[in-house]
Amino acid sequence: MTRDEFFSGARTDGVGALSGVRVVESTTTWAGPMCGMLLADLGAEVIKVEQPDGEVARRLPPLLPGTREPLSFMHVTANRGKRSLSLDLRHDEGRELMLRLLERADVFIENFRPGTLERWGLGYAAVRRVRPPIVYVSISGYGQYGPAADQAGYDPIAQASSGWLSLNGEPGGAPVKAPTFIGDDVAGLHAAIAALAALRHSERTGEGQHVDVALQDALMFQSNGYPMLAALGVDLPRMGSRFVVAAPAGVFRCRDGWVMAGIVLDTHWKVLARVIGRPELADHPDYATTPARLARRDEMQDLLGSWLAERDVAPAVEQLLAARLPCAPVRTYAEAVADPHVVEREILVEVELEDGTRAPIAGPAAKLSRTPARVRGAAPALGADNREILGELGLDPDDVERLRAAGVL
């Protein structure tokens, strides 16, 4: 199938599957903005409300090279496709304007430490009074209840407390955090999924609800059943790039780089044995099944590792792929984004940023053939939509100027 064939039935008369859904978010850094970004990519109108000095993600490095203003990679990625309202929610008038805005919202997203918005008069109970069907999404390190609920919980802290960090790294070495914000990412994804489920319920019944997503919960849920195994007393060794469930499998050194390769299926082993010149092992009972290969893990690793060590990456990968075996070169991100397949999938989409420069932004991962998700615009400058949004609430330019002078905007 070609890309054009996949999208041949795409609609052009709307902004996406969530057209007509209004989302308000008061978020910072990554997990909360990630949730709002996903809904924006799917067509929702997302209004990001920030304190007048802007949220921290606007200032965190690395900054994009070549921009006329210092633009953070975090801001331009996670806040794309949104409208911006700068509003001091600690100010009485700011709180009242926020409540007026939420009267027209379907979803509200926040990721402050639990209790913060309640102190500002914007907790779930207060918002529900003005908008009963609201889907109120809270994302935090440890959730809205429980003994650790009031602890600060950033992504690497949740990686540690969840158990995830304990298995990452090489055997015998120190635990190693993920190179990406994996806890924030999976929490943002779960928050978006839960928001859509709650929105569906709200549309059917008129009942809103509070959605509670914790980074620690999300990481433990996405730990492939390891929490269950640990609770049952099963040993969980750190394995580096090796696999608990398969051998040979992992990262192997070639003469000019590294390859990730592995065998999960017994049928694949039969093929690999012939590829590496050991056909006598294809059906041998000591090698033909996964349990047998796992019992000889070190030997299996050496069999494939020795074969790859004598080859360069490109021909080795070509030979394995020609045999329909799973493998890939270990590429840098720079190498990955230049791959023709990645280009065809539009993982990077060039967008004009708020200062007029252009940059390739990571596009939606999920492809919808009828209502395509897409990057619907750049991340906005702070307060770029103040006049328009407040005008929709009935404020005139004089009102806006008074609020600005008072420090509310």
Protein backbone atom coordinates (compact mmCIF):
# COMPACT_ATOMS: atom_id res chain seq x y z
CA MET A 1 0.00 0.00 0.00
CA THR A 2 1.23 3.50 -0.79
CA ARG A 3 0.75 6.57 1.37
CA ASP A 4 -1.68 8.05 -1.18
CA GLU A 5 -3.74 4.85 -1.16
CA PHE A 6 -3.93 4.84 2.65
CA PHE A 7 -5.19 8.43 2.78
CA SER A 8 -7.34 8.25 -0.38
CA GLY A 9 -10.54 8.65 1.65
CA ALA A 10 -9.30 11.41 3.95
CA ARG A 11 -11.77 14.17 4.65
CA THR A 12 -10.79 17.74 3.89
CA ASP A 13 -13.80 19.48 5.45
CA GLY A 14 -12.66 19.43 9.09
CA VAL A 15 -9.66 19.67 11.37
CA GLY A 16 -9.69 16.07 12.60
CA ALA A 17 -11.51 13.43 14.58
CA LEU A 18 -11.88 15.71 17.63
CA SER A 19 -13.25 18.68 15.69
CA GLY A 20 -15.58 20.63 17.98
CA VAL A 21 -13.94 19.46 21.22
CA ARG A 22 -12.59 22.29 23.38
CA VAL A 23 -9.71 21.54 25.74
CA VAL A 24 -8.27 23.95 28.30
CA GLU A 25 -4.94 23.07 29.86
CA SER A 26 -2.92 24.59 32.66
CA THR A 27 0.25 22.53 32.44
CA THR A 28 4.00 22.65 32.59
CA THR A 29 7.07 20.81 31.30
CA TRP A 30 6.11 17.58 29.43
CA ALA A 31 3.47 15.13 30.72
CA GLY A 32 0.57 17.61 30.80
CA PRO A 33 1.58 19.39 27.57
CA MET A 34 1.97 15.95 25.92
CA CYS A 35 -1.65 15.09 26.73
CA GLY A 36 -2.89 18.40 25.29
CA MET A 37 -0.65 18.08 22.24
CA LEU A 38 -2.06 14.65 21.38
CA LEU A 39 -5.62 15.99 21.56
CA ALA A 40 -4.65 19.01 19.44
CA ASP A 41 -3.09 16.76 16.79
CA LEU A 42 -6.40 14.87 16.67
CA GLY A 43 -8.33 18.05 15.96
CA ALA A 44 -9.36 19.43 19.35
CA GLU A 45 -9.15 23.15 20.03
CA VAL A 46 -6.62 23.40 22.86
CA ILE A 47 -6.15 26.60 24.87
CA LYS A 48 -3.02 26.61 27.00
CA VAL A 49 -3.26 28.88 30.04
CA GLU A 50 0.07 29.94 31.53
CA GLN A 51 1.18 32.29 34.25
CA PRO A 52 2.16 35.70 32.81
CA ASP A 53 5.89 34.84 32.92
CA GLY A 54 5.32 31.63 30.94
CA GLU A 55 5.84 28.01 31.93
CA VAL A 56 9.29 26.53 32.47
CA ALA A 57 9.36 24.53 29.20
CA ARG A 58 9.68 27.81 27.27
CA ARG A 59 13.14 28.30 28.76
CA LEU A 60 14.73 24.84 29.05
CA PRO A 61 17.65 23.87 26.78
CA PRO A 62 18.57 22.71 24.23
CA LEU A 63 17.39 25.78 22.35
CA LEU A 64 16.71 25.45 18.64
CA PRO A 65 19.60 26.69 16.50
CA GLY A 66 18.92 29.48 14.03
CA THR A 67 15.80 30.88 15.68
CA ARG A 68 15.55 34.65 16.04
CA GLU A 69 14.28 34.19 19.59
CA PRO A 70 15.57 31.56 22.05
CA LEU A 71 12.98 28.81 21.49
CA SER A 72 13.15 25.63 23.56
CA PHE A 73 12.82 22.23 21.89
CA MET A 74 10.32 21.30 24.61
CA HIS A 75 8.02 24.24 23.97
CA VAL A 76 7.96 24.00 20.19
CA THR A 77 7.31 20.25 20.37
CA ALA A 78 4.76 19.78 23.15
CA ASN A 79 2.84 23.04 22.75
CA ARG A 80 2.34 23.01 18.99
CA GLY A 81 -1.16 23.45 17.63
CA LYS A 82 -2.46 25.25 20.73
CA ARG A 83 -3.72 28.77 21.50
CA SER A 84 -2.05 30.74 24.29
CA LEU A 85 -3.66 32.71 27.11
CA SER A 86 -1.43 34.24 29.78
CA LEU A 87 -3.39 34.47 33.00
CA ASP A 88 -2.38 34.67 36.66
CA LEU A 89 -4.55 32.00 38.25
CA ARG A 90 -3.52 33.12 41.75
CA HIS A 91 -5.26 36.45 41.16
CA ASP A 92 -8.99 36.66 41.91
CA GLU A 93 -9.82 38.03 38.49
CA GLY A 94 -7.58 35.47 36.86
CA ARG A 95 -9.41 32.66 38.64
CA GLU A 96 -12.80 34.05 37.65
CA LEU A 97 -11.76 34.36 34.01
CA MET A 98 -10.47 30.79 34.09
CA LEU A 99 -13.80 29.55 35.43
CA ARG A 100 -15.63 31.47 32.68
CA LEU A 101 -13.36 29.84 30.13
CA LEU A 102 -14.01 26.40 31.61
CA GLU A 103 -17.77 26.92 31.38
CA ARG A 104 -17.29 26.35 27.64
CA ALA A 105 -14.74 23.52 27.87
CA ASP A 106 -15.13 19.78 27.42
CA VAL A 107 -11.78 18.78 28.94
CA PHE A 108 -9.44 20.43 31.44
CA ILE A 109 -5.85 19.19 31.87
CA GLU A 110 -3.55 20.13 34.74
CA ASN A 111 -0.31 18.69 36.09
CA PHE A 112 0.47 20.70 39.21
CA ARG A 113 1.34 19.05 42.49
CA PRO A 114 -1.92 17.72 44.01
CA GLY A 115 -3.71 20.39 46.05
CA THR A 116 -2.28 23.37 44.15
CA LEU A 117 -5.34 24.16 42.05
CA GLU A 118 -7.66 23.54 44.99
CA ARG A 119 -5.80 26.30 46.86
CA TRP A 120 -6.30 28.57 43.85
CA GLY A 121 -10.05 27.83 43.78
CA LEU A 122 -9.77 25.76 40.60
CA GLY A 123 -9.94 22.18 41.88
CA TYR A 124 -12.31 19.60 40.46
CA ALA A 125 -15.17 20.48 42.83
CA ALA A 126 -14.98 24.18 41.92
CA VAL A 127 -14.81 23.53 38.18
CA ARG A 128 -17.60 20.94 38.30
CA ARG A 129 -19.92 23.53 39.83
CA VAL A 130 -19.62 25.76 36.77
CA ARG A 131 -19.34 22.92 34.24
CA PRO A 132 -20.89 19.62 35.45
CA PRO A 133 -19.98 17.56 32.32
CA ILE A 134 -16.29 18.55 32.49
CA VAL A 135 -13.59 15.90 32.11
CA TYR A 136 -10.98 17.10 34.60
CA VAL A 137 -7.60 15.43 33.97
CA SER A 138 -4.93 15.59 36.67
CA ILE A 139 -1.42 14.29 36.00
CA SER A 140 1.13 14.08 38.81
CA GLY A 141 4.03 12.02 40.04
CA TYR A 142 2.11 9.79 42.46
CA GLY A 143 -1.59 10.56 41.96
CA GLN A 144 -4.28 12.47 43.81
CA TYR A 145 -4.44 10.10 46.80
CA GLY A 146 -2.15 7.73 48.69
CA PRO A 147 0.68 8.26 51.20
CA ALA A 148 3.05 9.73 48.59
CA ALA A 149 0.50 11.91 46.77
CA ASP A 150 1.96 15.23 47.92
CA GLN A 151 5.54 14.39 46.94
CA ALA A 152 7.15 16.09 43.97
CA GLY A 153 7.33 13.51 41.20
CA TYR A 154 9.34 14.32 38.11
CA ASP A 155 10.04 11.83 35.33
CA PRO A 156 13.43 10.44 36.50
CA ILE A 157 12.14 10.24 40.08
CA ALA A 158 9.20 8.14 38.91
CA GLN A 159 11.58 5.96 36.89
CA ALA A 160 13.42 5.24 40.14
CA SER A 161 10.45 4.79 42.47
CA SER A 162 8.48 2.58 40.06
CA GLY A 163 11.22 -0.05 39.75
CA TRP A 164 11.78 0.75 36.08
CA LEU A 165 15.24 2.23 36.67
CA SER A 166 16.46 -0.85 38.53
CA LEU A 167 16.43 -2.94 35.34
CA ASN A 168 17.88 -0.36 32.96
CA GLY A 169 21.60 -0.58 32.32
CA GLU A 170 24.22 -3.28 31.97
CA PRO A 171 24.46 -6.18 34.43
CA GLY A 172 26.72 -5.23 37.31
CA GLY A 173 26.64 -1.54 36.40
CA ALA A 174 24.74 1.40 37.82
CA PRO A 175 21.04 1.87 37.02
CA VAL A 176 20.64 4.16 34.00
CA LYS A 177 17.73 6.52 33.40
CA ALA A 178 15.97 6.54 30.04
CA PRO A 179 17.37 9.06 27.53
CA THR A 180 13.83 10.35 26.93
CA PHE A 181 11.05 11.51 29.28
CA ILE A 182 9.49 8.04 29.23
CA GLY A 183 7.45 8.49 32.43
CA ASP A 184 6.06 11.81 31.23
CA ASP A 185 5.36 10.34 27.80
CA VAL A 186 3.41 7.29 28.97
CA ALA A 187 1.53 9.35 31.58
CA GLY A 188 0.56 11.87 28.88
CA LEU A 189 -0.58 9.04 26.61
CA HIS A 190 -2.67 7.40 29.34
CA ALA A 191 -4.15 10.78 30.24
CA ALA A 192 -5.21 11.40 26.64
CA ILE A 193 -6.73 7.92 26.34
CA ALA A 194 -8.60 8.29 29.62
CA ALA A 195 -9.78 11.79 28.64
CA LEU A 196 -11.29 10.43 25.43
CA ALA A 197 -13.02 7.60 27.33
CA ALA A 198 -14.39 10.02 29.92
CA LEU A 199 -15.44 12.44 27.17
CA ARG A 200 -17.39 9.64 25.48
CA HIS A 201 -19.17 8.93 28.79
CA SER A 202 -19.84 12.64 29.33
CA GLU A 203 -21.37 12.98 25.87
CA ARG A 204 -23.68 9.99 26.48
CA THR A 205 -24.76 10.79 30.04
CA GLY A 206 -23.89 14.41 30.80
CA GLU A 207 -21.72 13.17 33.68
CA GLY A 208 -18.24 14.59 34.03
CA GLN A 209 -15.49 13.04 36.12
CA HIS A 210 -12.03 13.48 37.58
CA VAL A 211 -9.26 11.53 35.76
CA ASP A 212 -6.21 10.81 37.93
CA VAL A 213 -3.00 9.74 36.15
CA ALA A 214 0.28 9.19 38.02
CA LEU A 215 3.68 8.90 36.35
CA GLN A 216 4.58 6.05 38.70
CA ASP A 217 1.37 4.15 37.89
CA ALA A 218 1.86 4.64 34.16
CA LEU A 219 5.43 3.37 34.26
CA MET A 220 4.49 0.33 36.33
CA PHE A 221 1.57 -0.45 33.99
CA GLN A 222 3.93 -0.24 31.01
CA SER A 223 6.51 -2.51 32.64
CA ASN A 224 5.39 -5.63 30.72
CA GLY A 225 4.06 -7.54 33.70
CA TYR A 226 7.24 -7.19 35.75
CA PRO A 227 5.42 -5.78 38.83
CA MET A 228 3.30 -8.96 38.91
CA LEU A 229 6.38 -11.16 38.62
CA ALA A 230 8.13 -9.22 41.36
CA ALA A 231 5.11 -9.53 43.67
CA LEU A 232 5.18 -13.29 43.09
CA GLY A 233 8.85 -13.50 44.01
CA VAL A 234 10.22 -14.06 40.52
CA ASP A 235 13.81 -12.85 40.11
CA LEU A 236 14.15 -9.97 37.63
CA PRO A 237 17.82 -9.61 36.66
CA ARG A 238 19.15 -6.60 34.82
CA MET A 239 20.05 -7.80 31.33
CA GLY A 240 21.25 -4.77 29.41
CA SER A 241 20.45 -5.32 25.75
CA ARG A 242 19.77 -9.02 26.16
CA PHE A 243 16.20 -10.35 26.42
CA VAL A 244 14.56 -12.42 29.15
CA VAL A 245 12.38 -14.22 26.61
CA ALA A 246 14.74 -14.85 23.71
CA ALA A 247 18.24 -15.96 22.71
CA PRO A 248 20.24 -15.09 20.76
CA ALA A 249 19.06 -11.49 21.02
CA GLY A 250 20.56 -8.11 21.77
CA VAL A 251 23.03 -5.58 20.46
CA PHE A 252 26.04 -7.04 18.66
CA ARG A 253 29.21 -5.36 17.43
CA CYS A 254 30.06 -5.46 13.75
CA ARG A 255 33.33 -4.24 12.26
CA ASP A 256 32.00 -0.71 11.67
CA GLY A 257 29.12 -0.32 14.11
CA TRP A 258 26.35 -2.07 16.02
CA VAL A 259 23.31 -4.17 15.11
CA MET A 260 20.21 -5.09 17.11
CA ALA A 261 19.12 -8.60 16.19
CA GLY A 262 17.30 -11.44 17.83
CA ILE A 263 15.36 -14.66 17.51
CA VAL A 264 11.97 -15.07 19.17
CA LEU A 265 10.32 -17.71 16.99
CA ASP A 266 11.62 -21.25 16.60
CA THR A 267 11.01 -20.97 12.86
CA HIS A 268 13.33 -17.96 12.77
CA TRP A 269 16.03 -19.96 14.51
CA LYS A 270 15.94 -22.56 11.77
CA VAL A 271 16.55 -19.82 9.21
CA LEU A 272 19.27 -18.10 11.24
CA ALA A 273 21.17 -21.35 11.82
CA ARG A 274 21.54 -21.72 8.06
CA VAL A 275 22.40 -18.05 7.52
CA ILE A 276 25.30 -18.18 10.00
CA GLY A 277 26.59 -21.45 8.52
CA ARG A 278 25.42 -23.81 11.25
CA PRO A 279 22.61 -25.77 9.53
CA GLU A 280 23.21 -28.80 11.76
CA LEU A 281 21.81 -26.79 14.69
CA ALA A 282 18.54 -25.86 12.99
CA ASP A 283 16.63 -28.91 14.24
CA HIS A 284 18.97 -30.08 16.96
CA PRO A 285 16.98 -30.60 20.18
CA ASP A 286 19.52 -28.58 22.19
CA TYR A 287 18.84 -25.50 20.03
CA ALA A 288 15.52 -25.87 18.23
CA THR A 289 13.21 -24.49 20.94
CA THR A 290 13.17 -21.27 22.94
CA PRO A 291 13.65 -23.03 26.33
CA ALA A 292 16.60 -24.94 24.91
CA ARG A 293 18.21 -21.78 23.55
CA LEU A 294 17.61 -19.88 26.80
CA ALA A 295 19.39 -22.68 28.67
CA ARG A 296 22.40 -22.00 26.41
CA ARG A 297 22.08 -18.22 26.37
CA ASP A 298 25.82 -17.39 26.43
CA GLU A 299 26.56 -19.91 23.69
CA MET A 300 23.70 -18.53 21.56
CA GLN A 301 24.93 -14.98 21.98
CA ASP A 302 28.42 -16.04 20.90
CA LEU A 303 27.09 -17.86 17.82
CA LEU A 304 25.37 -14.80 16.41
CA GLY A 305 27.90 -12.35 17.85
CA SER A 306 30.85 -14.11 16.20
CA TRP A 307 29.12 -14.14 12.82
CA LEU A 308 28.31 -10.42 13.01
CA ALA A 309 31.77 -9.49 14.31
CA GLU A 310 33.26 -10.56 10.99
CA ARG A 311 30.97 -8.32 8.93
CA ASP A 312 30.14 -4.67 8.34
CA VAL A 313 26.74 -3.41 9.45
CA ALA A 314 25.15 -2.77 6.03
CA PRO A 315 25.80 -6.15 4.40
CA ALA A 316 25.02 -8.04 7.61
CA VAL A 317 21.66 -6.29 7.97
CA GLU A 318 20.93 -6.79 4.28
CA GLN A 319 21.60 -10.52 4.55
CA LEU A 320 19.45 -10.95 7.67
CA LEU A 321 16.59 -8.92 6.24
CA ALA A 322 16.77 -10.87 2.98
CA ALA A 323 16.17 -13.99 5.09
CA ARG A 324 13.18 -12.15 6.68
CA LEU A 325 14.82 -12.10 10.08
CA PRO A 326 14.30 -9.18 12.51
CA CYS A 327 17.26 -6.83 12.79
CA ALA A 328 18.23 -3.18 12.47
CA PRO A 329 21.38 -1.10 12.55
CA VAL A 330 21.82 0.91 15.74
CA ARG A 331 21.36 4.39 14.29
CA THR A 332 21.67 7.86 15.72
CA TYR A 333 18.58 10.05 15.62
CA ALA A 334 20.27 12.04 12.84
CA GLU A 335 20.62 8.85 10.80
CA ALA A 336 17.08 7.73 11.61
CA VAL A 337 15.35 10.95 10.50
CA ALA A 338 17.17 10.80 7.15
CA ASP A 339 15.88 7.29 6.40
CA PRO A 340 13.53 7.24 3.36
CA HIS A 341 10.95 5.20 5.26
CA VAL A 342 10.90 7.73 8.12
CA VAL A 343 10.53 10.53 5.58
CA GLU A 344 7.64 8.74 3.86
CA ARG A 345 5.91 8.27 7.22
CA GLU A 346 6.17 12.04 7.88
CA ILE A 347 7.59 11.62 11.35
CA LEU A 348 9.06 15.10 10.92
CA VAL A 349 6.85 17.91 9.60
CA GLU A 350 8.31 21.31 8.76
CA VAL A 351 6.46 24.05 10.66
CA GLU A 352 6.83 27.83 10.71
CA LEU A 353 7.62 28.75 14.32
CA GLU A 354 6.39 31.75 16.28
CA ASP A 355 9.42 33.85 15.25
CA GLY A 356 9.01 33.08 11.53
CA THR A 357 11.82 30.54 11.31
CA ARG A 358 11.08 26.96 10.31
CA ALA A 359 11.87 23.68 12.03
CA PRO A 360 11.00 19.99 11.57
CA ILE A 361 8.56 19.01 14.34
CA ALA A 362 7.80 15.39 15.26
CA GLY A 363 4.41 14.57 13.73
CA PRO A 364 1.69 12.24 15.06
CA ALA A 365 2.59 8.56 15.34
CA ALA A 366 -0.95 7.24 14.77
CA LYS A 367 -2.23 7.49 11.19
CA LEU A 368 -6.00 7.93 10.69
CA SER A 369 -7.06 7.36 7.10
CA ARG A 370 -10.37 9.28 7.26
CA THR A 371 -9.59 12.07 9.75
CA PRO A 372 -5.80 12.42 9.66
CA ALA A 373 -3.99 13.66 12.74
CA ARG A 374 -1.43 16.34 11.98
CA VAL A 375 0.62 19.17 13.40
CA ARG A 376 -1.92 21.97 13.16
CA GLY A 377 0.38 24.89 13.82
CA ALA A 378 3.39 26.07 15.72
CA ALA A 379 3.61 26.46 19.47
CA PRO A 380 2.25 29.94 20.21
CA ALA A 381 4.09 32.90 21.65
CA LEU A 382 3.13 33.57 25.26
CA GLY A 383 -0.24 35.31 25.37
CA ALA A 384 -0.51 35.38 21.59
CA ASP A 385 -4.27 34.78 21.76
CA ASN A 386 -5.11 36.87 24.83
CA ARG A 387 -7.28 39.43 23.05
CA GLU A 388 -9.09 36.86 20.90
CA ILE A 389 -9.84 34.41 23.72
CA LEU A 390 -10.87 37.10 26.19
CA GLY A 391 -12.97 38.72 23.47
CA GLU A 392 -14.84 35.43 23.17
CA LEU A 393 -15.62 35.78 26.89
CA GLY A 394 -17.08 39.24 26.28
CA LEU A 395 -14.13 41.42 27.31
CA ASP A 396 -13.31 44.46 25.20
CA PRO A 397 -9.81 45.88 24.50
CA ASP A 398 -10.08 48.28 27.45
CA ASP A 399 -10.80 45.37 29.77
CA VAL A 400 -7.79 43.51 28.42
CA GLU A 401 -5.52 46.51 28.92
CA ARG A 402 -6.78 46.98 32.50
CA LEU A 403 -6.06 43.33 33.29
CA ARG A 404 -2.61 43.65 31.77
CA ALA A 405 -1.86 46.73 33.88
CA ALA A 406 -3.06 44.90 36.99
CA GLY A 407 -0.69 41.97 36.30
CA VAL A 408 -3.52 39.50 35.67
CA LEU A 409 -2.29 39.01 32.07
